[in-house]
């Protein structure tokens, strides 16, 4: 036994000396090719311990066939990151409050200023422009949003030559709740002079949603915005006298609004694809959804959801008696609600959704990309022709919370808002290099 220990120490010392005095990469490559599998395992046990190796094996098995950029199932996607300096740090997210944990992020949103310039806005309402050909330089844009006591920006969207923005803000010296507002400004690279376009008089503990898209409804040009209703305010999602937990249509000419759909918890993505409205929505403890939004339809929250309240996670599973029943119905149709196109039983922190243009990759035609926060991944998705179900999806690990995603058509690249490091990510296909 003592001899075996001495031999192990001697072998370890020899390997360490080689690594210190010779080309490390060369030695590593040589040992990898020439040592037997058993010897490799033995050396790893000496250096890292058997418990660590078992843990590595477990996670490798758990993530079998998981692709990480630049590798995807059928294409090699080039991935680059560029930091944006001076982004504000968000230390108080809705999810962090619920989970009673700390999530420090640099939350920001993206929009195309034009086909060569990227507009970004921090959660506190600071704007800037990045030129795609020189991403190291940032042009800051001043605005009058400092007139508002902003709690959190929710989205930005260019409609024709105007920029719309949604955000929650404190008002009337109240700091225990926030109000929802939509503002607009003429697009300008020097100063954004926003004016109020739509706002709510309801003050909520958690003002959620806020995504904006352009939409023509009953031959009227307008926009759709999403709003959330969660936790203690979840009952608002079913109330017709509240704008929360809804998709709202607002007429651009007369600013009149109507409820387009209801029964939503926390919509985080919204897309108008050939007049089909797709939405992504945070579930509670599980149950993130992809929905096809139809006029006057009800999507069930807080009556139906694949997920459950967060308290359900605290149930002592060892107690066989007096276990709680599900709080939410698991069948939308039985309650005359719209079923999701798809639900993630285990939530991924779903965020934005975007279609993949034909000029990006011949392997990703007719696909969509869905970004995520907690899963730190993109999901490449294919729907059936009527958007009633998902044919398949591929999870592509990125490694950061992805808040937003846009596409620059003439550059043939996707731009990602990466909020762990406050960077933009650029996805490009080798075919477009």
Protein backbone atom coordinates (compact mmCIF):
# COMPACT_ATOMS: atom_id res chain seq x y z
CA UNK A 1 0.00 0.00 0.00
CA UNK A 2 2.83 2.35 0.94
CA UNK A 3 4.66 1.52 -2.32
CA UNK A 4 1.51 2.33 -4.31
CA UNK A 5 1.23 5.72 -2.60
CA UNK A 6 4.90 6.49 -3.29
CA UNK A 7 4.49 5.52 -6.96
CA UNK A 8 1.45 7.75 -7.23
CA UNK A 9 3.34 10.67 -5.73
CA UNK A 10 6.29 10.02 -8.04
CA UNK A 11 4.05 9.88 -11.11
CA UNK A 12 2.29 13.06 -10.08
CA UNK A 13 5.62 14.82 -9.51
CA UNK A 14 6.92 13.78 -12.92
CA UNK A 15 3.76 15.03 -14.64
CA UNK A 16 3.92 18.30 -12.70
CA UNK A 17 7.56 18.86 -13.70
CA UNK A 18 6.71 18.23 -17.35
CA UNK A 19 3.89 20.77 -17.17
CA UNK A 20 6.12 23.37 -15.52
CA UNK A 21 9.17 23.12 -17.76
CA UNK A 22 7.82 22.01 -21.12
CA UNK A 23 5.11 23.04 -23.52
CA UNK A 24 1.89 22.48 -21.56
CA UNK A 25 -0.38 22.16 -24.57
CA UNK A 26 2.02 19.78 -26.26
CA UNK A 27 2.35 17.58 -23.19
CA UNK A 28 -1.39 17.59 -22.62
CA UNK A 29 -2.01 16.58 -26.22
CA UNK A 30 0.61 13.83 -26.07
CA UNK A 31 -0.74 12.36 -22.82
CA UNK A 32 -4.31 12.50 -24.10
CA UNK A 33 -3.37 10.50 -27.18
CA UNK A 34 -1.04 7.95 -25.57
CA UNK A 35 -2.21 7.25 -22.02
CA UNK A 36 -4.75 4.50 -21.50
CA UNK A 37 -8.26 5.40 -20.33
CA UNK A 38 -7.63 3.76 -16.93
CA UNK A 39 -4.42 5.75 -16.42
CA UNK A 40 -6.16 9.01 -17.29
CA UNK A 41 -8.90 8.31 -14.76
CA UNK A 42 -6.32 7.37 -12.12
CA UNK A 43 -4.39 10.64 -12.63
CA UNK A 44 -7.59 12.68 -12.50
CA UNK A 45 -8.56 10.98 -9.21
CA UNK A 46 -5.18 11.92 -7.73
CA UNK A 47 -5.49 15.59 -8.67
CA UNK A 48 -9.24 16.23 -8.37
CA UNK A 49 -10.70 13.47 -6.23
CA UNK A 50 -13.32 10.86 -7.06
CA UNK A 51 -16.25 12.96 -5.81
CA UNK A 52 -15.43 15.77 -8.25
CA UNK A 53 -15.08 13.34 -11.16
CA UNK A 54 -18.45 11.79 -10.36
CA UNK A 55 -19.99 15.26 -10.36
CA UNK A 56 -18.44 16.07 -13.76
CA UNK A 57 -19.70 12.78 -15.18
CA UNK A 58 -23.20 13.49 -13.83
CA UNK A 59 -23.46 16.89 -15.50
CA UNK A 60 -21.99 15.61 -18.75
CA UNK A 61 -24.61 12.88 -18.80
CA UNK A 62 -27.35 15.32 -17.84
CA UNK A 63 -26.43 17.57 -20.77
CA UNK A 64 -25.91 14.79 -23.29
CA UNK A 65 -25.64 16.15 -26.84
CA UNK A 66 -26.01 19.73 -25.59
CA UNK A 67 -24.58 22.19 -28.12
CA UNK A 68 -22.58 25.23 -27.12
CA UNK A 69 -21.75 28.03 -29.49
CA UNK A 70 -20.17 28.02 -32.01
CA UNK A 71 -21.49 24.45 -32.43
CA UNK A 72 -25.15 23.85 -33.24
CA UNK A 73 -26.93 20.81 -34.64
CA UNK A 74 -26.54 21.61 -38.34
CA UNK A 75 -24.52 24.81 -38.50
CA UNK A 76 -21.37 26.37 -37.09
CA UNK A 77 -22.50 29.75 -35.73
CA UNK A 78 -19.82 32.36 -35.06
CA UNK A 79 -20.32 34.09 -31.70
CA UNK A 80 -18.59 37.30 -30.58
CA UNK A 81 -19.09 39.55 -27.54
CA UNK A 82 -18.50 43.27 -27.16
CA UNK A 83 -18.95 44.98 -23.77
CA UNK A 84 -21.02 48.15 -23.42
CA UNK A 85 -19.40 50.40 -20.84
CA UNK A 86 -21.27 52.35 -18.16
CA UNK A 87 -24.46 50.27 -18.14
CA UNK A 88 -26.36 50.55 -14.87
CA UNK A 89 -26.43 47.52 -12.58
CA UNK A 90 -29.85 46.16 -11.68
CA UNK A 91 -29.86 44.60 -8.20
CA UNK A 92 -33.61 44.29 -7.65
CA UNK A 93 -35.38 42.17 -10.26
CA UNK A 94 -38.89 40.75 -9.85
CA UNK A 95 -37.56 37.18 -9.99
CA UNK A 96 -34.89 37.90 -7.37
CA UNK A 97 -37.52 39.27 -4.99
CA UNK A 98 -39.68 36.18 -5.39
CA UNK A 99 -36.78 33.77 -4.93
CA UNK A 100 -35.27 35.92 -2.15
CA UNK A 101 -31.90 35.78 -3.83
CA UNK A 102 -29.44 38.19 -5.42
CA UNK A 103 -29.32 38.53 -9.20
CA UNK A 104 -26.98 41.29 -10.32
CA UNK A 105 -27.46 42.12 -13.98
CA UNK A 106 -26.97 44.89 -16.50
CA UNK A 107 -30.45 44.85 -17.96
CA UNK A 108 -30.87 46.61 -21.31
CA UNK A 109 -32.89 46.54 -24.52
CA UNK A 110 -32.06 46.70 -28.23
CA UNK A 111 -33.61 48.21 -31.35
CA UNK A 112 -32.40 49.00 -34.86
CA UNK A 113 -31.63 52.68 -35.31
CA UNK A 114 -30.95 51.84 -38.95
CA UNK A 115 -29.35 48.90 -40.74
CA UNK A 116 -25.86 49.89 -39.57
CA UNK A 117 -26.53 51.29 -36.11
CA UNK A 118 -27.86 49.64 -32.96
CA UNK A 119 -29.89 51.58 -30.45
CA UNK A 120 -29.71 50.41 -26.84
CA UNK A 121 -31.42 51.55 -23.65
CA UNK A 122 -30.57 50.64 -20.06
CA UNK A 123 -33.24 49.69 -17.55
CA UNK A 124 -32.86 53.16 -15.96
CA UNK A 125 -33.59 54.94 -19.27
CA UNK A 126 -30.14 55.80 -20.63
CA UNK A 127 -29.80 55.61 -24.43
CA UNK A 128 -26.90 55.10 -26.79
CA UNK A 129 -25.99 54.10 -30.34
CA UNK A 130 -23.45 51.49 -31.42
CA UNK A 131 -22.13 51.55 -34.98
CA UNK A 132 -21.79 47.97 -36.18
CA UNK A 133 -18.55 48.75 -38.00
CA UNK A 134 -16.97 50.26 -34.89
CA UNK A 135 -18.47 48.64 -31.80
CA UNK A 136 -15.84 50.06 -29.46
CA UNK A 137 -17.31 53.55 -29.77
CA UNK A 138 -20.61 54.53 -28.15
CA UNK A 139 -22.59 57.64 -28.96
CA UNK A 140 -24.74 58.62 -26.00
CA UNK A 141 -28.20 60.09 -26.61
CA UNK A 142 -29.72 62.49 -24.14
CA UNK A 143 -33.45 62.39 -23.42
CA UNK A 144 -36.06 63.93 -21.16
CA UNK A 145 -36.82 60.64 -19.39
CA UNK A 146 -35.00 61.96 -16.33
CA UNK A 147 -38.20 63.95 -15.74
CA UNK A 148 -39.72 60.66 -14.60
CA UNK A 149 -38.80 58.73 -11.50
CA UNK A 150 -38.15 55.57 -13.51
CA UNK A 151 -38.23 52.23 -11.76
CA UNK A 152 -37.43 50.09 -14.81
CA UNK A 153 -37.52 50.43 -18.58
CA UNK A 154 -39.57 47.59 -20.12
CA UNK A 155 -39.00 47.87 -23.88
CA UNK A 156 -38.18 50.15 -26.83
CA UNK A 157 -39.55 49.90 -30.36
CA UNK A 158 -39.11 51.93 -33.54
CA UNK A 159 -42.37 52.46 -35.43
CA UNK A 160 -41.80 54.34 -38.69
CA UNK A 161 -39.70 57.34 -37.60
CA UNK A 162 -40.76 57.35 -33.97
CA UNK A 163 -39.35 55.55 -30.94
CA UNK A 164 -41.80 54.14 -28.40
CA UNK A 165 -40.72 53.16 -24.90
CA UNK A 166 -42.53 51.51 -22.00
CA UNK A 167 -41.41 51.77 -18.41
CA UNK A 168 -42.63 51.63 -14.83
CA UNK A 169 -42.21 54.69 -12.64
CA UNK A 170 -42.89 56.05 -9.18
CA UNK A 171 -45.42 58.86 -8.82
CA UNK A 172 -47.04 61.01 -6.14
CA UNK A 173 -44.23 60.28 -3.69
CA UNK A 174 -45.29 56.62 -3.51
CA UNK A 175 -42.43 54.14 -3.41
CA UNK A 176 -44.45 51.03 -2.53
CA UNK A 177 -45.80 50.58 -6.08
CA UNK A 178 -45.21 51.70 -9.66
CA UNK A 179 -47.26 52.91 -12.62
CA UNK A 180 -47.11 51.79 -16.27
CA UNK A 181 -46.56 54.29 -19.09
CA UNK A 182 -45.96 54.31 -22.86
CA UNK A 183 -44.13 57.31 -24.33
CA UNK A 184 -42.95 58.23 -27.81
CA UNK A 185 -40.34 60.53 -29.39
CA UNK A 186 -39.24 61.45 -32.86
CA UNK A 187 -36.17 59.34 -33.60
CA UNK A 188 -33.10 61.52 -33.21
CA UNK A 189 -29.47 60.66 -32.54
CA UNK A 190 -28.86 63.76 -30.43
CA UNK A 191 -31.90 64.14 -28.18
CA UNK A 192 -35.07 62.11 -27.59
CA UNK A 193 -37.93 64.34 -26.53
CA UNK A 194 -40.51 61.88 -25.24
CA UNK A 195 -44.17 62.68 -24.73
CA UNK A 196 -46.83 60.63 -22.98
CA UNK A 197 -48.89 58.42 -25.27
CA UNK A 198 -50.68 56.04 -22.89
CA UNK A 199 -50.55 55.37 -19.16
CA UNK A 200 -52.36 53.57 -16.39
CA UNK A 201 -53.75 55.03 -13.19
CA UNK A 202 -53.34 51.69 -11.40
CA UNK A 203 -50.33 51.41 -9.13
CA UNK A 204 -48.86 47.90 -8.86
CA UNK A 205 -46.23 46.27 -6.68
CA UNK A 206 -44.87 44.53 -9.79
CA UNK A 207 -45.30 46.30 -13.13
CA UNK A 208 -44.31 43.64 -15.65
CA UNK A 209 -44.37 42.94 -19.39
CA UNK A 210 -44.21 46.04 -21.56
CA UNK A 211 -43.20 44.56 -24.93
CA UNK A 212 -44.16 46.64 -27.98
CA UNK A 213 -44.85 45.65 -31.60
CA UNK A 214 -46.39 47.37 -34.59
CA UNK A 215 -49.78 45.96 -35.66
CA UNK A 216 -52.72 46.79 -37.92
CA UNK A 217 -56.03 45.87 -36.33
CA UNK A 218 -59.33 46.27 -38.19
CA UNK A 219 -57.54 48.44 -40.76
CA UNK A 220 -56.24 50.74 -38.04
CA UNK A 221 -52.50 51.29 -37.62
CA UNK A 222 -51.48 50.81 -34.04
CA UNK A 223 -49.29 48.98 -31.61
CA UNK A 224 -49.72 46.03 -29.31
CA UNK A 225 -48.23 46.14 -25.83
CA UNK A 226 -48.11 43.36 -23.25
CA UNK A 227 -48.66 43.77 -19.53
CA UNK A 228 -48.27 41.37 -16.64
CA UNK A 229 -50.16 40.50 -13.47
CA UNK A 230 -48.35 38.35 -10.95
CA UNK A 231 -48.28 37.25 -7.32
CA UNK A 232 -50.67 39.25 -5.10
CA UNK A 233 -51.99 41.10 -8.17
CA UNK A 234 -52.56 38.05 -10.35
CA UNK A 235 -56.37 38.34 -10.21
CA UNK A 236 -56.12 41.46 -12.40
CA UNK A 237 -55.29 39.23 -15.38
CA UNK A 238 -58.97 38.16 -15.57
CA UNK A 239 -60.53 41.52 -14.82
CA UNK A 240 -61.82 43.51 -17.79
CA UNK A 241 -61.52 46.81 -15.90
CA UNK A 242 -57.73 46.49 -15.60
CA UNK A 243 -55.05 46.77 -18.30
CA UNK A 244 -52.76 44.34 -16.44
CA UNK A 245 -52.28 40.74 -17.47
CA UNK A 246 -53.33 41.71 -20.99
CA UNK A 247 -52.28 42.38 -24.55
CA UNK A 248 -53.49 45.91 -25.36
CA UNK A 249 -54.07 47.41 -28.83
CA UNK A 250 -53.57 51.19 -29.05
CA UNK A 251 -54.68 53.17 -32.12
CA UNK A 252 -51.84 55.42 -33.31
CA UNK A 253 -54.20 58.11 -34.64
CA UNK A 254 -56.61 58.65 -31.77
CA UNK A 255 -54.74 56.86 -28.93
CA UNK A 256 -57.82 54.83 -28.05
CA UNK A 257 -57.12 51.39 -26.65
CA UNK A 258 -58.87 48.08 -26.22
CA UNK A 259 -58.04 44.76 -24.59
CA UNK A 260 -56.80 42.43 -27.32
CA UNK A 261 -56.29 39.35 -25.10
CA UNK A 262 -56.19 38.61 -21.39
CA UNK A 263 -55.12 36.00 -18.86
CA UNK A 264 -51.36 36.65 -18.98
CA UNK A 265 -48.88 36.46 -16.13
CA UNK A 266 -45.61 38.07 -17.29
CA UNK A 267 -45.19 38.35 -21.09
CA UNK A 268 -41.56 38.93 -22.02
CA UNK A 269 -41.54 38.48 -25.79
CA UNK A 270 -43.85 39.67 -28.56
CA UNK A 271 -43.62 39.17 -32.33
CA UNK A 272 -45.77 40.09 -35.32
CA UNK A 273 -44.87 37.52 -37.99
CA UNK A 274 -46.95 37.95 -41.14
CA UNK A 275 -49.86 39.14 -39.01
CA UNK A 276 -49.57 36.17 -36.64
CA UNK A 277 -48.92 37.35 -33.07
CA UNK A 278 -46.59 35.17 -31.01
CA UNK A 279 -45.89 35.81 -27.35
CA UNK A 280 -43.54 34.29 -24.79
CA UNK A 281 -44.56 34.40 -21.16
CA UNK A 282 -43.02 33.64 -17.79
CA UNK A 283 -44.89 31.02 -15.84
CA UNK A 284 -44.73 30.90 -12.04
CA UNK A 285 -42.75 27.92 -10.60
CA UNK A 286 -42.50 26.22 -14.02
CA UNK A 287 -44.78 26.67 -17.00
CA UNK A 288 -43.08 29.23 -19.24
CA UNK A 289 -45.31 29.53 -22.31
CA UNK A 290 -45.22 30.20 -26.03
CA UNK A 291 -48.62 31.51 -27.14
CA UNK A 292 -50.37 32.41 -30.38
CA UNK A 293 -52.27 35.56 -29.46
CA UNK A 294 -55.78 35.78 -30.89
CA UNK A 295 -58.23 38.66 -30.59
CA UNK A 296 -60.54 38.51 -27.55
CA UNK A 297 -59.10 35.18 -26.37
CA UNK A 298 -58.33 34.28 -22.75
CA UNK A 299 -55.04 32.55 -21.87
CA UNK A 300 -56.03 31.34 -18.45
CA UNK A 301 -53.84 32.92 -15.81
CA UNK A 302 -54.28 32.75 -12.82
CA UNK A 303 -56.74 29.86 -13.21
CA UNK A 304 -54.78 27.60 -15.56
CA UNK A 305 -51.03 27.11 -15.82
CA UNK A 306 -48.57 24.24 -16.20
CA UNK A 307 -46.60 25.91 -13.41
CA UNK A 308 -47.48 26.42 -9.75
CA UNK A 309 -46.98 29.14 -7.13
CA UNK A 310 -43.40 29.31 -5.88
CA UNK A 311 -44.53 28.00 -2.48
CA UNK A 312 -45.15 24.62 -4.13
CA UNK A 313 -41.38 24.15 -4.36
CA UNK A 314 -41.16 24.23 -0.57
CA UNK A 315 -43.36 21.17 -0.07
CA UNK A 316 -41.62 18.48 1.96
CA UNK A 317 -41.80 15.60 -0.49
CA UNK A 318 -40.96 13.08 2.24
CA UNK A 319 -44.36 13.71 3.88
CA UNK A 320 -46.77 11.36 2.18
CA UNK A 321 -49.82 12.60 4.04
CA UNK A 322 -51.53 15.97 3.67
CA UNK A 323 -49.71 16.83 0.46
CA UNK A 324 -51.20 19.84 -1.32
CA UNK A 325 -53.18 19.59 -4.54
CA UNK A 326 -52.25 21.66 -7.56
CA UNK A 327 -53.32 25.29 -7.23
CA UNK A 328 -53.69 25.88 -11.00
CA UNK A 329 -55.71 23.80 -13.45
CA UNK A 330 -53.42 21.90 -15.85
CA UNK A 331 -55.94 21.90 -18.69
CA UNK A 332 -56.70 25.21 -20.40
CA UNK A 333 -59.34 23.85 -22.78
CA UNK A 334 -61.55 22.49 -20.01
CA UNK A 335 -61.91 26.04 -18.76
CA UNK A 336 -62.48 27.53 -22.25
CA UNK A 337 -59.01 29.05 -22.28
CA UNK A 338 -56.46 28.97 -25.10
CA UNK A 339 -53.85 26.25 -24.69
CA UNK A 340 -50.24 27.36 -25.12
CA UNK A 341 -48.47 26.29 -28.29
CA UNK A 342 -45.85 24.94 -25.90
CA UNK A 343 -45.05 25.04 -22.19
CA UNK A 344 -41.69 24.46 -20.54
CA UNK A 345 -42.55 22.33 -17.50
CA UNK A 346 -39.26 23.49 -16.00
CA UNK A 347 -39.08 27.23 -16.56
CA UNK A 348 -36.18 28.63 -18.58
CA UNK A 349 -36.76 32.33 -17.89
CA UNK A 350 -38.16 32.83 -21.39
CA UNK A 351 -37.64 36.27 -22.95
CA UNK A 352 -37.79 37.56 -26.56
CA UNK A 353 -38.86 35.74 -29.75
CA UNK A 354 -37.72 36.55 -33.30
CA UNK A 355 -38.00 34.88 -36.71
CA UNK A 356 -34.87 33.78 -38.58
CA UNK A 357 -34.69 35.59 -41.98
CA UNK A 358 -33.92 33.54 -45.08
CA UNK A 359 -30.58 35.25 -45.68
CA UNK A 360 -29.06 34.14 -42.35
CA UNK A 361 -28.47 30.39 -42.79
CA UNK A 362 -29.80 27.80 -45.20
CA UNK A 363 -29.90 25.36 -42.25
CA UNK A 364 -32.16 27.58 -40.14
CA UNK A 365 -34.83 28.45 -42.70
CA UNK A 366 -38.37 28.94 -41.37
CA UNK A 367 -37.05 28.81 -37.82
CA UNK A 368 -37.48 31.14 -34.86
CA UNK A 369 -35.10 32.02 -32.03
CA UNK A 370 -36.33 32.34 -28.46
CA UNK A 371 -33.99 33.81 -25.87
CA UNK A 372 -33.91 33.00 -22.17
CA UNK A 373 -32.66 34.44 -18.92
CA UNK A 374 -32.08 31.70 -16.35
CA UNK A 375 -31.32 29.00 -18.95
CA UNK A 376 -28.76 31.37 -20.52
CA UNK A 377 -29.56 29.79 -23.87
CA UNK A 378 -31.20 30.30 -27.22
CA UNK A 379 -33.89 27.93 -28.40
CA UNK A 380 -34.09 27.36 -32.15
CA UNK A 381 -37.71 26.50 -32.81
CA UNK A 382 -39.80 25.22 -35.72
CA UNK A 383 -43.60 25.60 -35.65
CA UNK A 384 -46.21 23.90 -37.80
CA UNK A 385 -47.73 26.05 -40.54
CA UNK A 386 -50.69 27.15 -38.40
CA UNK A 387 -48.60 27.86 -35.29
CA UNK A 388 -50.54 25.34 -33.26
CA UNK A 389 -47.60 23.25 -32.09
CA UNK A 390 -43.80 23.05 -32.07
CA UNK A 391 -42.29 20.53 -34.47
CA UNK A 392 -38.89 20.61 -32.76
CA UNK A 393 -36.54 22.83 -30.81
CA UNK A 394 -32.79 22.91 -30.25
CA UNK A 395 -31.30 24.37 -27.09
CA UNK A 396 -28.09 26.32 -27.79
CA UNK A 397 -26.14 27.31 -24.69
CA UNK A 398 -24.78 30.88 -24.73
CA UNK A 399 -23.69 31.33 -21.11
CA UNK A 400 -25.38 34.64 -20.26
CA UNK A 401 -28.87 35.95 -19.50
CA UNK A 402 -30.29 37.08 -22.84
CA UNK A 403 -32.80 39.90 -22.41
CA UNK A 404 -33.38 40.93 -26.03
CA UNK A 405 -32.51 40.01 -29.62
CA UNK A 406 -32.73 41.88 -32.95
CA UNK A 407 -31.59 41.20 -36.53
CA UNK A 408 -29.57 43.45 -38.86
CA UNK A 409 -30.68 42.39 -42.33
CA UNK A 410 -27.91 43.91 -44.42
CA UNK A 411 -25.23 42.65 -42.01
CA UNK A 412 -26.91 39.23 -41.74
CA UNK A 413 -26.32 39.02 -37.99
CA UNK A 414 -28.35 38.63 -34.81
CA UNK A 415 -27.58 41.03 -31.96
CA UNK A 416 -28.13 39.75 -28.40
CA UNK A 417 -28.48 41.77 -25.20
CA UNK A 418 -26.30 39.87 -22.70
CA UNK A 419 -27.01 41.20 -19.26
CA UNK A 420 -24.62 39.24 -17.03
CA UNK A 421 -21.66 41.17 -18.42
CA UNK A 422 -23.54 44.03 -20.09
CA UNK A 423 -22.37 43.05 -23.57
CA UNK A 424 -23.85 42.65 -27.00
CA UNK A 425 -23.46 39.26 -28.60
CA UNK A 426 -23.18 38.86 -32.37
CA UNK A 427 -24.32 35.68 -34.10
CA UNK A 428 -23.28 35.14 -37.70
CA UNK A 429 -23.23 32.19 -40.09
CA UNK A 430 -20.04 31.18 -41.97
CA UNK A 431 -22.04 31.49 -45.20
CA UNK A 432 -22.26 35.25 -44.61
CA UNK A 433 -18.61 35.92 -43.78
